């Protein structure tokens, strides 16, 4: 969806004036954290964290597995990789959502 009324700058680029392929490259710099973690109900925690890496990176599965394990360990959730979102506590979902957002090691931009 493109904004039609205003300039939408990011890092000196008007994202409304670039191609879809260029926009996908810019989006690699973003992680989005939704209230409640916005987890895919049908995926376990490991798969939820791996999703943006599979979608937006060129990492192989072994590298993705290592990054996901490291990310889960960073928020002390190494033991929840196989659990579905319905099996996680509210705090666990928030921590998992945060880790997924930051997992790709991109700069963090806090937008309000």
PDB file of N, CA and C in Angstrom:
ATOM      1  N   UNK A   1       0.853  -1.164   0.000  1.00  0.00           N
ATOM      2  CA  UNK A   1       0.000   0.000   0.000  1.00  0.00           C
ATOM      3  C   UNK A   1       0.901   1.230   0.000  1.00  0.00           C
ATOM      4  N   UNK A   2       0.647   2.148  -0.903  1.00  0.00           N
ATOM      5  CA  UNK A   2       1.427   3.370  -0.989  1.00  0.00           C
ATOM      6  C   UNK A   2       0.629   4.539  -0.441  1.00  0.00           C
ATOM      7  N   UNK A   3       1.322   5.400   0.274  1.00  0.00           N
ATOM      8  CA  UNK A   3       0.723   6.639   0.747  1.00  0.00           C
ATOM      9  C   UNK A   3       0.686   7.589  -0.440  1.00  0.00           C
ATOM     10  N   UNK A   4      -0.430   8.212  -0.690  1.00  0.00           N
ATOM     11  CA  UNK A   4      -0.568   9.042  -1.883  1.00  0.00           C
ATOM     12  C   UNK A   4      -0.490  10.528  -1.609  1.00  0.00           C
ATOM     13  N   UNK A   5      -0.446  10.929  -0.351  1.00  0.00           N
ATOM     14  CA  UNK A   5      -0.579  12.332  -0.030  1.00  0.00           C
ATOM     15  C   UNK A   5       0.723  12.986   0.424  1.00  0.00           C
ATOM     16  N   UNK A   6       1.619  12.243   1.000  1.00  0.00           N
ATOM     17  CA  UNK A   6       2.779  12.887   1.605  1.00  0.00           C
ATOM     18  C   UNK A   6       4.084  12.159   1.275  1.00  0.00           C
ATOM     19  N   UNK A   7       5.168  12.848   1.574  1.00  0.00           N
ATOM     20  CA  UNK A   7       6.503  12.278   1.422  1.00  0.00           C
ATOM     21  C   UNK A   7       6.743  11.316   2.587  1.00  0.00           C
ATOM     22  N   UNK A   8       7.238  10.127   2.301  1.00  0.00           N
ATOM     23  CA  UNK A   8       7.545   9.158   3.351  1.00  0.00           C
ATOM     24  C   UNK A   8       9.039   8.856   3.264  1.00  0.00           C
ATOM     25  N   UNK A   9       9.851   9.677   3.963  1.00  0.00           N
ATOM     26  CA  UNK A   9      11.300   9.475   3.862  1.00  0.00           C
ATOM     27  C   UNK A   9      11.814   8.440   4.853  1.00  0.00           C
ATOM     28  N   UNK A  10      12.802   7.710   4.427  1.00  0.00           N
ATOM     29  CA  UNK A  10      13.544   6.816   5.310  1.00  0.00           C
ATOM     30  C   UNK A  10      14.985   6.805   4.824  1.00  0.00           C
ATOM     31  N   UNK A  11      15.879   7.212   5.656  1.00  0.00           N
ATOM     32  CA  UNK A  11      17.307   7.200   5.334  1.00  0.00           C
ATOM     33  C   UNK A  11      17.590   7.920   4.011  1.00  0.00           C
ATOM     34  N   UNK A  12      16.928   9.069   3.825  1.00  0.00           N
ATOM     35  CA  UNK A  12      17.155   9.872   2.630  1.00  0.00           C
ATOM     36  C   UNK A  12      16.438   9.395   1.379  1.00  0.00           C
ATOM     37  N   UNK A  13      15.586   8.376   1.497  1.00  0.00           N
ATOM     38  CA  UNK A  13      14.874   7.810   0.348  1.00  0.00           C
ATOM     39  C   UNK A  13      13.377   8.055   0.548  1.00  0.00           C
ATOM     40  N   UNK A  14      12.713   8.554  -0.492  1.00  0.00           N
ATOM     41  CA  UNK A  14      11.253   8.653  -0.453  1.00  0.00           C
ATOM     42  C   UNK A  14      10.715   7.281  -0.838  1.00  0.00           C
ATOM     43  N   UNK A  15      10.194   6.554   0.117  1.00  0.00           N
ATOM     44  CA  UNK A  15       9.788   5.179  -0.175  1.00  0.00           C
ATOM     45  C   UNK A  15       8.580   5.090  -1.103  1.00  0.00           C
ATOM     46  N   UNK A  16       7.903   6.208  -1.325  1.00  0.00           N
ATOM     47  CA  UNK A  16       6.806   6.216  -2.305  1.00  0.00           C
ATOM     48  C   UNK A  16       7.318   6.312  -3.737  1.00  0.00           C
ATOM     49  N   UNK A  17       8.585   6.677  -3.904  1.00  0.00           N
ATOM     50  CA  UNK A  17       9.120   6.908  -5.247  1.00  0.00           C
ATOM     51  C   UNK A  17      10.026   5.777  -5.727  1.00  0.00           C
ATOM     52  N   UNK A  18      10.034   4.654  -5.032  1.00  0.00           N
ATOM     53  CA  UNK A  18      10.925   3.563  -5.417  1.00  0.00           C
ATOM     54  C   UNK A  18      10.121   2.360  -5.896  1.00  0.00           C
ATOM     55  N   UNK A  19      10.793   1.468  -6.582  1.00  0.00           N
ATOM     56  CA  UNK A  19      10.120   0.274  -7.099  1.00  0.00           C
ATOM     57  C   UNK A  19       9.823  -0.699  -5.959  1.00  0.00           C
ATOM     58  N   UNK A  20       8.988  -1.678  -6.248  1.00  0.00           N
ATOM     59  CA  UNK A  20       8.661  -2.690  -5.248  1.00  0.00           C
ATOM     60  C   UNK A  20       9.914  -3.460  -4.817  1.00  0.00           C
ATOM     61  N   UNK A  21      10.791  -3.788  -5.766  1.00  0.00           N
ATOM     62  CA  UNK A  21      12.027  -4.507  -5.436  1.00  0.00           C
ATOM     63  C   UNK A  21      12.905  -3.669  -4.506  1.00  0.00           C
ATOM     64  N   UNK A  22      12.993  -2.367  -4.772  1.00  0.00           N
ATOM     65  CA  UNK A  22      13.778  -1.487  -3.894  1.00  0.00           C
ATOM     66  C   UNK A  22      13.124  -1.378  -2.517  1.00  0.00           C
ATOM     67  N   UNK A  23      11.798  -1.328  -2.488  1.00  0.00           N
ATOM     68  CA  UNK A  23      11.074  -1.259  -1.221  1.00  0.00           C
ATOM     69  C   UNK A  23      11.330  -2.504  -0.382  1.00  0.00           C
ATOM     70  N   UNK A  24      11.371  -3.671  -1.011  1.00  0.00           N
ATOM     71  CA  UNK A  24      11.675  -4.903  -0.267  1.00  0.00           C
ATOM     72  C   UNK A  24      13.066  -4.827   0.353  1.00  0.00           C
ATOM     73  N   UNK A  25      14.025  -4.242  -0.352  1.00  0.00           N
ATOM     74  CA  UNK A  25      15.374  -4.090   0.214  1.00  0.00           C
ATOM     75  C   UNK A  25      15.350  -3.140   1.412  1.00  0.00           C
ATOM     76  N   UNK A  26      14.597  -2.055   1.316  1.00  0.00           N
ATOM     77  CA  UNK A  26      14.476  -1.105   2.429  1.00  0.00           C
ATOM     78  C   UNK A  26      13.802  -1.785   3.617  1.00  0.00           C
ATOM     79  N   UNK A  27      12.787  -2.597   3.359  1.00  0.00           N
ATOM     80  CA  UNK A  27      12.057  -3.267   4.445  1.00  0.00           C
ATOM     81  C   UNK A  27      12.933  -4.225   5.241  1.00  0.00           C
ATOM     82  N   UNK A  28      14.039  -4.654   4.665  1.00  0.00           N
ATOM     83  CA  UNK A  28      14.959  -5.523   5.416  1.00  0.00           C
ATOM     84  C   UNK A  28      15.540  -4.803   6.625  1.00  0.00           C
ATOM     85  N   UNK A  29      15.438  -3.489   6.642  1.00  0.00           N
ATOM     86  CA  UNK A  29      15.950  -2.700   7.754  1.00  0.00           C
ATOM     87  C   UNK A  29      14.938  -2.542   8.881  1.00  0.00           C
ATOM     88  N   UNK A  30      13.762  -3.127   8.713  1.00  0.00           N
ATOM     89  CA  UNK A  30      12.698  -2.949   9.687  1.00  0.00           C
ATOM     90  C   UNK A  30      12.290  -4.255  10.338  1.00  0.00           C
ATOM     91  N   UNK A  31      12.018  -4.191  11.602  1.00  0.00           N
ATOM     92  CA  UNK A  31      11.322  -5.236  12.319  1.00  0.00           C
ATOM     93  C   UNK A  31      10.097  -4.569  12.911  1.00  0.00           C
ATOM     94  N   UNK A  32       9.013  -5.257  12.996  1.00  0.00           N
ATOM     95  CA  UNK A  32       7.786  -4.671  13.521  1.00  0.00           C
ATOM     96  C   UNK A  32       7.329  -5.498  14.706  1.00  0.00           C
ATOM     97  N   UNK A  33       7.057  -4.812  15.795  1.00  0.00           N
ATOM     98  CA  UNK A  33       6.569  -5.488  16.994  1.00  0.00           C
ATOM     99  C   UNK A  33       5.129  -5.065  17.224  1.00  0.00           C
ATOM    100  N   UNK A  34       4.231  -6.030  17.215  1.00  0.00           N
ATOM    101  CA  UNK A  34       2.820  -5.758  17.427  1.00  0.00           C
ATOM    102  C   UNK A  34       2.444  -6.100  18.861  1.00  0.00           C
ATOM    103  N   UNK A  35       1.396  -5.451  19.331  1.00  0.00           N
ATOM    104  CA  UNK A  35       0.896  -5.753  20.664  1.00  0.00           C
ATOM    105  C   UNK A  35       0.538  -7.232  20.729  1.00  0.00           C
ATOM    106  N   UNK A  36       0.974  -7.899  21.771  1.00  0.00           N
ATOM    107  CA  UNK A  36       0.692  -9.314  21.934  1.00  0.00           C
ATOM    108  C   UNK A  36       1.628 -10.219  21.145  1.00  0.00           C
ATOM    109  N   UNK A  37       2.597  -9.638  20.457  1.00  0.00           N
ATOM    110  CA  UNK A  37       3.578 -10.442  19.751  1.00  0.00           C
ATOM    111  C   UNK A  37       3.215 -10.797  18.325  1.00  0.00           C
ATOM    112  N   UNK A  38       1.913 -10.738  17.976  1.00  0.00           N
ATOM    113  CA  UNK A  38       1.430 -11.059  16.626  1.00  0.00           C
ATOM    114  C   UNK A  38       2.067 -12.331  16.081  1.00  0.00           C
ATOM    115  N   UNK A  39       1.915 -13.405  16.801  1.00  0.00           N
ATOM    116  CA  UNK A  39       2.501 -14.680  16.394  1.00  0.00           C
ATOM    117  C   UNK A  39       1.584 -15.418  15.421  1.00  0.00           C
ATOM    118  N   UNK A  40       2.182 -16.196  14.543  1.00  0.00           N
ATOM    119  CA  UNK A  40       1.401 -17.080  13.684  1.00  0.00           C
ATOM    120  C   UNK A  40       0.960 -18.262  14.543  1.00  0.00           C
ATOM    121  N   UNK A  41      -0.340 -18.431  14.695  1.00  0.00           N
ATOM    122  CA  UNK A  41      -0.883 -19.475  15.577  1.00  0.00           C
ATOM    123  C   UNK A  41      -0.469 -20.880  15.172  1.00  0.00           C
ATOM    124  N   UNK A  42      -0.291 -21.105  13.875  1.00  0.00           N
ATOM    125  CA  UNK A  42       0.002 -22.451  13.391  1.00  0.00           C
ATOM    126  C   UNK A  42       1.494 -22.778  13.399  1.00  0.00           C
ATOM    127  N   UNK A  43       2.332 -21.817  13.793  1.00  0.00           N
ATOM    128  CA  UNK A  43       3.780 -22.047  13.830  1.00  0.00           C
ATOM    129  C   UNK A  43       4.257 -22.062  15.268  1.00  0.00           C
ATOM    130  N   UNK A  44       5.227 -22.928  15.559  1.00  0.00           N
ATOM    131  CA  UNK A  44       5.801 -22.914  16.898  1.00  0.00           C
ATOM    132  C   UNK A  44       6.709 -21.690  17.049  1.00  0.00           C
ATOM    133  N   UNK A  45       7.236 -21.488  18.242  1.00  0.00           N
ATOM    134  CA  UNK A  45       8.046 -20.305  18.530  1.00  0.00           C
ATOM    135  C   UNK A  45       9.275 -20.221  17.635  1.00  0.00           C
ATOM    136  N   UNK A  46       9.925 -21.353  17.430  1.00  0.00           N
ATOM    137  CA  UNK A  46      11.105 -21.376  16.570  1.00  0.00           C
ATOM    138  C   UNK A  46      10.746 -20.895  15.166  1.00  0.00           C
ATOM    139  N   UNK A  47       9.663 -21.422  14.612  1.00  0.00           N
ATOM    140  CA  UNK A  47       9.243 -21.059  13.253  1.00  0.00           C
ATOM    141  C   UNK A  47       8.825 -19.595  13.167  1.00  0.00           C
ATOM    142  N   UNK A  48       8.178 -19.063  14.222  1.00  0.00           N
ATOM    143  CA  UNK A  48       7.790 -17.661  14.249  1.00  0.00           C
ATOM    144  C   UNK A  48       9.007 -16.747  14.199  1.00  0.00           C
ATOM    145  N   UNK A  49      10.032 -17.082  14.961  1.00  0.00           N
ATOM    146  CA  UNK A  49      11.250 -16.260  14.959  1.00  0.00           C
ATOM    147  C   UNK A  49      11.984 -16.409  13.628  1.00  0.00           C
ATOM    148  N   UNK A  50      11.967 -17.598  13.059  1.00  0.00           N
ATOM    149  CA  UNK A  50      12.668 -17.852  11.798  1.00  0.00           C
ATOM    150  C   UNK A  50      11.971 -17.213  10.601  1.00  0.00           C
ATOM    151  N   UNK A  51      10.682 -16.944  10.705  1.00  0.00           N
ATOM    152  CA  UNK A  51       9.913 -16.467   9.558  1.00  0.00           C
ATOM    153  C   UNK A  51      10.522 -15.244   8.868  1.00  0.00           C
ATOM    154  N   UNK A  52      10.830 -14.147   9.586  1.00  0.00           N
ATOM    155  CA  UNK A  52      11.392 -12.994   8.868  1.00  0.00           C
ATOM    156  C   UNK A  52      12.765 -13.276   8.278  1.00  0.00           C
ATOM    157  N   UNK A  53      13.523 -14.154   8.897  1.00  0.00           N
ATOM    158  CA  UNK A  53      14.837 -14.502   8.355  1.00  0.00           C
ATOM    159  C   UNK A  53      14.692 -15.266   7.046  1.00  0.00           C
ATOM    160  N   UNK A  54      13.735 -16.161   6.994  1.00  0.00           N
ATOM    161  CA  UNK A  54      13.491 -16.918   5.760  1.00  0.00           C
ATOM    162  C   UNK A  54      12.915 -16.018   4.660  1.00  0.00           C
ATOM    163  N   UNK A  55      12.125 -15.045   5.068  1.00  0.00           N
ATOM    164  CA  UNK A  55      11.454 -14.177   4.114  1.00  0.00           C
ATOM    165  C   UNK A  55      12.373 -13.095   3.555  1.00  0.00           C
ATOM    166  N   UNK A  56      13.196 -12.501   4.423  1.00  0.00           N
ATOM    167  CA  UNK A  56      13.946 -11.314   4.021  1.00  0.00           C
ATOM    168  C   UNK A  56      15.452 -11.465   3.988  1.00  0.00           C
ATOM    169  N   UNK A  57      15.967 -12.646   4.289  1.00  0.00           N
ATOM    170  CA  UNK A  57      17.423 -12.814   4.245  1.00  0.00           C
ATOM    171  C   UNK A  57      17.780 -13.901   3.240  1.00  0.00           C
ATOM    172  N   UNK A  58      19.024 -14.029   2.999  1.00  0.00           N
ATOM    173  CA  UNK A  58      19.508 -15.084   2.108  1.00  0.00           C
ATOM    174  C   UNK A  58      20.245 -16.162   2.904  1.00  0.00           C
ATOM    175  N   UNK A  59      19.959 -16.237   4.203  1.00  0.00           N
ATOM    176  CA  UNK A  59      20.600 -17.220   5.070  1.00  0.00           C
ATOM    177  C   UNK A  59      20.122 -18.631   4.720  1.00  0.00           C
ATOM    178  N   UNK A  60      21.011 -19.587   4.907  1.00  0.00           N
ATOM    179  CA  UNK A  60      20.636 -20.986   4.785  1.00  0.00           C
ATOM    180  C   UNK A  60      19.973 -21.459   6.063  1.00  0.00           C
ATOM    181  N   UNK A  61      19.375 -22.644   6.019  1.00  0.00           N
ATOM    182  CA  UNK A  61      18.650 -23.160   7.183  1.00  0.00           C
ATOM    183  C   UNK A  61      19.534 -23.361   8.411  1.00  0.00           C
ATOM    184  N   UNK A  62      20.767 -23.799   8.226  1.00  0.00           N
ATOM    185  CA  UNK A  62      21.659 -23.984   9.381  1.00  0.00           C
ATOM    186  C   UNK A  62      21.940 -22.654  10.064  1.00  0.00           C
ATOM    187  N   UNK A  63      22.200 -21.616   9.271  1.00  0.00           N
ATOM    188  CA  UNK A  63      22.464 -20.289   9.836  1.00  0.00           C
ATOM    189  C   UNK A  63      21.225 -19.727  10.514  1.00  0.00           C
ATOM    190  N   UNK A  64      20.071 -19.919   9.890  1.00  0.00           N
ATOM    191  CA  UNK A  64      18.812 -19.469  10.503  1.00  0.00           C
ATOM    192  C   UNK A  64      18.604 -20.161  11.840  1.00  0.00           C
ATOM    193  N   UNK A  65      18.825 -21.462  11.894  1.00  0.00           N
ATOM    194  CA  UNK A  65      18.663 -22.206  13.150  1.00  0.00           C
ATOM    195  C   UNK A  65      19.579 -21.649  14.233  1.00  0.00           C
ATOM    196  N   UNK A  66      20.815 -21.340  13.878  1.00  0.00           N
ATOM    197  CA  UNK A  66      21.749 -20.780  14.862  1.00  0.00           C
ATOM    198  C   UNK A  66      21.292 -19.409  15.349  1.00  0.00           C
ATOM    199  N   UNK A  67      20.820 -18.568  14.442  1.00  0.00           N
ATOM    200  CA  UNK A  67      20.356 -17.229  14.819  1.00  0.00           C
ATOM    201  C   UNK A  67      19.124 -17.329  15.705  1.00  0.00           C
ATOM    202  N   UNK A  68      18.182 -18.198  15.341  1.00  0.00           N
ATOM    203  CA  UNK A  68      16.959 -18.354  16.138  1.00  0.00           C
ATOM    204  C   UNK A  68      17.299 -18.835  17.544  1.00  0.00           C
ATOM    205  N   UNK A  69      18.165 -19.815  17.652  1.00  0.00           N
ATOM    206  CA  UNK A  69      18.555 -20.317  18.978  1.00  0.00           C
ATOM    207  C   UNK A  69      19.207 -19.216  19.797  1.00  0.00           C
ATOM    208  N   UNK A  70      20.071 -18.423  19.167  1.00  0.00           N
ATOM    209  CA  UNK A  70      20.723 -17.313  19.870  1.00  0.00           C
ATOM    210  C   UNK A  70      19.699 -16.275  20.321  1.00  0.00           C
ATOM    211  N   UNK A  71      18.747 -15.962  19.435  1.00  0.00           N
ATOM    212  CA  UNK A  71      17.724 -14.980  19.771  1.00  0.00           C
ATOM    213  C   UNK A  71      16.843 -15.446  20.932  1.00  0.00           C
ATOM    214  N   UNK A  72      16.419 -16.691  20.898  1.00  0.00           N
ATOM    215  CA  UNK A  72      15.606 -17.221  21.992  1.00  0.00           C
ATOM    216  C   UNK A  72      16.399 -17.239  23.297  1.00  0.00           C
ATOM    217  N   UNK A  73      17.676 -17.551  23.222  1.00  0.00           N
ATOM    218  CA  UNK A  73      18.513 -17.567  24.424  1.00  0.00           C
ATOM    219  C   UNK A  73      18.677 -16.155  25.002  1.00  0.00           C
ATOM    220  N   UNK A  74      18.719 -15.142  24.125  1.00  0.00           N
ATOM    221  CA  UNK A  74      18.888 -13.760  24.581  1.00  0.00           C
ATOM    222  C   UNK A  74      17.758 -13.308  25.493  1.00  0.00           C
ATOM    223  N   UNK A  75      16.568 -13.869  25.312  1.00  0.00           N
ATOM    224  CA  UNK A  75      15.435 -13.514  26.162  1.00  0.00           C
ATOM    225  C   UNK A  75      15.040 -14.668  27.076  1.00  0.00           C
ATOM    226  N   UNK A  76      16.007 -15.567  27.282  1.00  0.00           N
ATOM    227  CA  UNK A  76      15.848 -16.700  28.204  1.00  0.00           C
ATOM    228  C   UNK A  76      14.635 -17.567  27.858  1.00  0.00           C
ATOM    229  N   UNK A  77      14.458 -17.836  26.556  1.00  0.00           N
ATOM    230  CA  UNK A  77      13.347 -18.667  26.098  1.00  0.00           C
ATOM    231  C   UNK A  77      13.830 -19.858  25.283  1.00  0.00           C
ATOM    232  N   UNK A  78      15.037 -20.336  25.580  1.00  0.00           N
ATOM    233  CA  UNK A  78      15.586 -21.430  24.791  1.00  0.00           C
ATOM    234  C   UNK A  78      14.731 -22.689  24.837  1.00  0.00           C
ATOM    235  N   UNK A  79      13.926 -22.825  25.870  1.00  0.00           N
ATOM    236  CA  UNK A  79      13.129 -24.049  26.037  1.00  0.00           C
ATOM    237  C   UNK A  79      11.732 -23.965  25.410  1.00  0.00           C
ATOM    238  N   UNK A  80      11.405 -22.872  24.703  1.00  0.00           N
ATOM    239  CA  UNK A  80      10.051 -22.736  24.158  1.00  0.00           C
ATOM    240  C   UNK A  80      10.001 -22.873  22.639  1.00  0.00           C
ATOM    241  N   UNK A  81      11.082 -23.232  22.004  1.00  0.00           N
ATOM    242  CA  UNK A  81      11.146 -23.304  20.549  1.00  0.00           C
ATOM    243  C   UNK A  81      10.083 -24.170  19.914  1.00  0.00           C
ATOM    244  N   UNK A  82       9.726 -25.277  20.547  1.00  0.00           N
ATOM    245  CA  UNK A  82       8.749 -26.203  19.973  1.00  0.00           C
ATOM    246  C   UNK A  82       7.312 -25.896  20.396  1.00  0.00           C
ATOM    247  N   UNK A  83       7.123 -24.906  21.264  1.00  0.00           N
ATOM    248  CA  UNK A  83       5.776 -24.611  21.755  1.00  0.00           C
ATOM    249  C   UNK A  83       5.022 -23.699  20.793  1.00  0.00           C
ATOM    250  N   UNK A  84       3.723 -23.957  20.678  1.00  0.00           N
ATOM    251  CA  UNK A  84       2.830 -23.104  19.899  1.00  0.00           C
ATOM    252  C   UNK A  84       2.468 -21.870  20.713  1.00  0.00           C
ATOM    253  N   UNK A  85       2.059 -20.772  20.076  1.00  0.00           N
ATOM    254  CA  UNK A  85       1.674 -19.569  20.812  1.00  0.00           C
ATOM    255  C   UNK A  85       0.624 -19.823  21.889  1.00  0.00           C
ATOM    256  N   UNK A  86      -0.313 -20.729  21.647  1.00  0.00           N
ATOM    257  CA  UNK A  86      -1.351 -21.027  22.639  1.00  0.00           C
ATOM    258  C   UNK A  86      -0.787 -21.659  23.906  1.00  0.00           C
ATOM    259  N   UNK A  87       0.446 -22.153  23.820  1.00  0.00           N
ATOM    260  CA  UNK A  87       1.089 -22.786  24.971  1.00  0.00           C
ATOM    261  C   UNK A  87       2.002 -21.833  25.739  1.00  0.00           C
ATOM    262  N   UNK A  88       2.081 -20.585  25.295  1.00  0.00           N
ATOM    263  CA  UNK A  88       2.979 -19.610  25.925  1.00  0.00           C
ATOM    264  C   UNK A  88       2.207 -18.666  26.829  1.00  0.00           C
ATOM    265  N   UNK A  89       2.858 -18.202  27.887  1.00  0.00           N
ATOM    266  CA  UNK A  89       2.262 -17.187  28.756  1.00  0.00           C
ATOM    267  C   UNK A  89       2.298 -15.839  28.036  1.00  0.00           C
ATOM    268  N   UNK A  90       1.550 -14.861  28.546  1.00  0.00           N
ATOM    269  CA  UNK A  90       1.536 -13.524  27.950  1.00  0.00           C
ATOM    270  C   UNK A  90       2.910 -12.890  27.916  1.00  0.00           C
ATOM    271  N   UNK A  91       3.662 -13.000  29.015  1.00  0.00           N
ATOM    272  CA  UNK A  91       5.010 -12.425  29.064  1.00  0.00           C
ATOM    273  C   UNK A  91       5.936 -13.118  28.082  1.00  0.00           C
ATOM    274  N   UNK A  92       5.771 -14.405  27.958  1.00  0.00           N
ATOM    275  CA  UNK A  92       6.580 -15.186  27.030  1.00  0.00           C
ATOM    276  C   UNK A  92       6.302 -14.737  25.593  1.00  0.00           C
ATOM    277  N   UNK A  93       5.035 -14.483  25.256  1.00  0.00           N
ATOM    278  CA  UNK A  93       4.668 -14.022  23.913  1.00  0.00           C
ATOM    279  C   UNK A  93       5.293 -12.659  23.623  1.00  0.00           C
ATOM    280  N   UNK A  94       5.256 -11.760  24.614  1.00  0.00           N
ATOM    281  CA  UNK A  94       5.842 -10.432  24.410  1.00  0.00           C
ATOM    282  C   UNK A  94       7.339 -10.536  24.169  1.00  0.00           C
ATOM    283  N   UNK A  95       8.010 -11.337  24.961  1.00  0.00           N
ATOM    284  CA  UNK A  95       9.456 -11.505  24.801  1.00  0.00           C
ATOM    285  C   UNK A  95       9.779 -12.138  23.461  1.00  0.00           C
ATOM    286  N   UNK A  96       9.010 -13.132  23.033  1.00  0.00           N
ATOM    287  CA  UNK A  96       9.234 -13.789  21.753  1.00  0.00           C
ATOM    288  C   UNK A  96       8.979 -12.822  20.602  1.00  0.00           C
ATOM    289  N   UNK A  97       7.950 -12.017  20.718  1.00  0.00           N
ATOM    290  CA  UNK A  97       7.656 -11.029  19.695  1.00  0.00           C
ATOM    291  C   UNK A  97       8.763 -10.000  19.573  1.00  0.00           C
ATOM    292  N   UNK A  98       9.283  -9.560  20.708  1.00  0.00           N
ATOM    293  CA  UNK A  98      10.387  -8.607  20.717  1.00  0.00           C
ATOM    294  C   UNK A  98      11.610  -9.205  20.060  1.00  0.00           C
ATOM    295  N   UNK A  99      11.894 -10.441  20.388  1.00  0.00           N
ATOM    296  CA  UNK A  99      13.093 -11.076  19.830  1.00  0.00           C
ATOM    297  C   UNK A  99      12.957 -11.262  18.326  1.00  0.00           C
ATOM    298  N   UNK A 100      11.774 -11.611  17.860  1.00  0.00           N
ATOM    299  CA  UNK A 100      11.566 -11.765  16.430  1.00  0.00           C
ATOM    300  C   UNK A 100      11.774 -10.437  15.724  1.00  0.00           C
ATOM    301  N   UNK A 101      11.307  -9.375  16.336  1.00  0.00           N
ATOM    302  CA  UNK A 101      11.456  -8.049  15.765  1.00  0.00           C
ATOM    303  C   UNK A 101      12.927  -7.677  15.621  1.00  0.00           C
ATOM    304  N   UNK A 102      13.735  -8.021  16.590  1.00  0.00           N
ATOM    305  CA  UNK A 102      15.138  -7.609  16.607  1.00  0.00           C
ATOM    306  C   UNK A 102      16.082  -8.679  16.082  1.00  0.00           C
ATOM    307  N   UNK A 103      15.571  -9.820  15.756  1.00  0.00           N
ATOM    308  CA  UNK A 103      16.391 -10.975  15.434  1.00  0.00           C
ATOM    309  C   UNK A 103      17.320 -10.774  14.243  1.00  0.00           C
ATOM    310  N   UNK A 104      16.906  -9.992  13.281  1.00  0.00           N
ATOM    311  CA  UNK A 104      17.714  -9.803  12.080  1.00  0.00           C
ATOM    312  C   UNK A 104      18.870  -8.846  12.299  1.00  0.00           C
ATOM    313  N   UNK A 105      19.093  -8.410  13.518  1.00  0.00           N
ATOM    314  CA  UNK A 105      20.197  -7.518  13.900  1.00  0.00           C
ATOM    315  C   UNK A 105      20.210  -6.228  13.094  1.00  0.00           C
ATOM    316  N   UNK A 106      19.027  -5.683  12.813  1.00  0.00           N
ATOM    317  CA  UNK A 106      18.944  -4.398  12.139  1.00  0.00           C
ATOM    318  C   UNK A 106      18.884  -3.289  13.184  1.00  0.00           C
ATOM    319  N   UNK A 107      19.178  -2.047  12.791  1.00  0.00           N
ATOM    320  CA  UNK A 107      19.044  -0.939  13.744  1.00  0.00           C
ATOM    321  C   UNK A 107      17.614  -0.845  14.236  1.00  0.00           C
ATOM    322  N   UNK A 108      17.437  -0.399  15.454  1.00  0.00           N
ATOM    323  CA  UNK A 108      16.106  -0.299  16.034  1.00  0.00           C
ATOM    324  C   UNK A 108      15.639   1.155  15.942  1.00  0.00           C
ATOM    325  N   UNK A 109      14.478   1.366  15.339  1.00  0.00           N
ATOM    326  CA  UNK A 109      13.861   2.679  15.224  1.00  0.00           C
ATOM    327  C   UNK A 109      12.557   2.616  15.999  1.00  0.00           C
ATOM    328  N   UNK A 110      12.415   3.436  17.024  1.00  0.00           N
ATOM    329  CA  UNK A 110      11.201   3.428  17.824  1.00  0.00           C
ATOM    330  C   UNK A 110      10.271   4.497  17.275  1.00  0.00           C
ATOM    331  N   UNK A 111       9.173   4.086  16.668  1.00  0.00           N
ATOM    332  CA  UNK A 111       8.202   5.010  16.094  1.00  0.00           C
ATOM    333  C   UNK A 111       6.985   5.061  16.990  1.00  0.00           C
ATOM    334  N   UNK A 112       6.489   6.237  17.208  1.00  0.00           N
ATOM    335  CA  UNK A 112       5.275   6.394  18.034  1.00  0.00           C
ATOM    336  C   UNK A 112       4.125   6.897  17.213  1.00  0.00           C
TER     337      UNK A 112
END
